């Protein structure tokens, strides 16, 4: 039959063997992966290059200087536009209104349109 002392003795011997071999009943932990090291950007300046080989130092353009230059160009273009419109008006007045417009009138109108678009784009910035 069942002998409690004998089974207790077997269990204690098994426990001693397990403890002496260093085995543990708990599940083994997984090894941690190595840390992720970010790679340097290919566009980042290389500190190994001697100074001056990274290219010239680029300074941003002066906004006030560009604004003044832009305003002067707009004024010159508007003056030119005003002159072209006056020439077109004279050509239309000289031509016969019942006939078709001459090629020079059409070309002058296209030139005015092109210049007006340039002024508009420059004024936008």
Protein backbone atom coordinates (compact mmCIF):
# COMPACT_ATOMS: atom_id res chain seq x y z
CA UNK A 1 0.00 0.00 0.00
CA UNK A 2 0.86 3.59 0.19
CA UNK A 3 3.58 4.51 2.62
CA UNK A 4 3.67 8.20 3.40
CA UNK A 5 7.14 8.21 4.89
CA UNK A 6 8.69 6.60 1.88
CA UNK A 7 7.05 9.02 -0.62
CA UNK A 8 8.10 11.96 1.52
CA UNK A 9 11.65 10.71 1.50
CA UNK A 10 11.64 10.36 -2.31
CA UNK A 11 10.24 13.87 -2.77
CA UNK A 12 12.86 15.36 -0.46
CA UNK A 13 15.68 13.54 -2.28
CA UNK A 14 14.39 14.79 -5.64
CA UNK A 15 14.25 18.35 -4.27
CA UNK A 16 17.84 18.12 -3.00
CA UNK A 17 19.03 16.86 -6.39
CA UNK A 18 17.25 19.65 -8.23
CA UNK A 19 18.62 22.31 -5.91
CA UNK A 20 22.15 20.97 -6.01
CA UNK A 21 22.29 20.96 -9.82
CA UNK A 22 21.25 24.61 -9.99
CA UNK A 23 18.10 23.93 -11.95
CA UNK A 24 15.19 26.14 -11.28
CA UNK A 25 11.57 25.48 -11.72
CA UNK A 26 10.89 29.00 -13.01
CA UNK A 27 11.04 29.52 -16.81
CA UNK A 28 14.32 30.80 -18.13
CA UNK A 29 14.44 34.47 -19.17
CA UNK A 30 15.27 35.31 -22.76
CA UNK A 31 18.54 37.13 -23.41
CA UNK A 32 18.09 40.85 -24.03
CA UNK A 33 18.84 42.03 -27.57
CA UNK A 34 21.71 44.45 -28.06
CA UNK A 35 20.72 48.13 -28.05
CA UNK A 36 19.91 49.73 -31.39
CA UNK A 37 22.54 52.27 -32.35
CA UNK A 38 21.28 54.88 -34.83
CA UNK A 39 23.33 55.36 -37.96
CA UNK A 40 24.57 58.85 -38.74
CA UNK A 41 22.75 60.70 -41.50
CA UNK A 42 24.56 60.72 -44.85
CA UNK A 43 23.79 64.44 -45.07
CA UNK A 44 25.36 65.25 -41.71
CA UNK A 45 28.73 66.98 -41.88
CA UNK A 46 31.62 64.61 -41.37
CA UNK A 47 33.85 65.73 -38.48
CA UNK A 48 36.81 63.93 -40.10
CA UNK A 49 36.95 66.40 -43.00
CA UNK A 50 39.32 69.34 -42.62
CA UNK A 51 37.67 72.76 -42.23
CA UNK A 52 36.61 74.39 -45.47
CA UNK A 53 35.97 71.17 -47.39
CA UNK A 54 32.35 70.99 -46.28
CA UNK A 55 31.61 73.76 -48.78
CA UNK A 56 31.34 77.49 -48.31
CA UNK A 57 29.39 78.74 -45.36
CA UNK A 58 25.99 79.70 -46.67
CA UNK A 59 24.39 82.73 -45.15
CA UNK A 60 20.72 83.43 -45.75
CA UNK A 61 20.05 86.32 -48.12
CA UNK A 62 19.22 89.67 -46.58
CA UNK A 63 15.42 89.94 -46.65
CA UNK A 64 15.36 93.75 -46.59
CA UNK A 65 17.79 94.01 -49.48
CA UNK A 66 15.77 91.54 -51.54
CA UNK A 67 12.54 93.34 -50.68
CA UNK A 68 13.94 96.70 -51.83
CA UNK A 69 15.29 95.15 -55.02
CA UNK A 70 11.97 93.41 -55.65
CA UNK A 71 10.05 96.67 -55.15
CA UNK A 72 12.35 98.48 -57.60
CA UNK A 73 11.85 95.76 -60.23
CA UNK A 74 8.07 95.87 -59.76
CA UNK A 75 8.04 99.65 -60.22
CA UNK A 76 10.13 99.37 -63.40
CA UNK A 77 7.88 96.63 -64.78
CA UNK A 78 4.72 98.61 -63.99
CA UNK A 79 6.17 101.66 -65.78
CA UNK A 80 6.96 99.46 -68.81
CA UNK A 81 3.46 97.99 -68.62
CA UNK A 82 1.95 101.48 -68.60
CA UNK A 83 3.93 102.41 -71.73
CA UNK A 84 2.91 99.22 -73.54
CA UNK A 85 -0.76 99.80 -72.72
CA UNK A 86 -0.52 103.34 -74.10
CA UNK A 87 1.03 102.02 -77.34
CA UNK A 88 -1.68 99.37 -77.63
CA UNK A 89 -4.41 101.97 -77.12
CA UNK A 90 -2.92 104.15 -79.89
CA UNK A 91 -2.72 101.20 -82.29
CA UNK A 92 -6.33 100.21 -81.62
CA UNK A 93 -7.51 103.81 -82.13
CA UNK A 94 -5.67 104.02 -85.47
CA UNK A 95 -7.03 100.72 -86.75
CA UNK A 96 -10.42 100.28 -88.33
CA UNK A 97 -12.87 98.92 -85.77
CA UNK A 98 -14.92 97.08 -88.38
CA UNK A 99 -11.98 94.97 -89.61
CA UNK A 100 -9.98 92.40 -87.77
CA UNK A 101 -7.14 93.48 -85.50
CA UNK A 102 -3.66 93.51 -86.96
CA UNK A 103 -1.03 91.00 -85.91
CA UNK A 104 1.00 93.73 -84.21
CA UNK A 105 -1.96 94.55 -81.93
CA UNK A 106 -2.34 90.89 -80.94
CA UNK A 107 1.40 90.54 -80.25
CA UNK A 108 1.40 93.73 -78.18
CA UNK A 109 -1.54 92.38 -76.13
CA UNK A 110 0.34 89.11 -75.54
CA UNK A 111 3.43 91.05 -74.46
CA UNK A 112 1.30 93.04 -72.01
CA UNK A 113 -0.24 89.85 -70.62
CA UNK A 114 3.18 88.28 -70.11
CA UNK A 115 4.56 91.35 -68.33
CA UNK A 116 1.43 91.65 -66.17
CA UNK A 117 1.81 88.00 -65.09
CA UNK A 118 5.46 88.62 -64.17
CA UNK A 119 4.47 91.64 -62.06
CA UNK A 120 1.76 89.62 -60.36
CA UNK A 121 4.11 86.72 -59.57
CA UNK A 122 6.82 89.05 -58.28
CA UNK A 123 4.30 90.89 -56.09
CA UNK A 124 3.20 87.59 -54.53
CA UNK A 125 6.74 86.96 -53.41
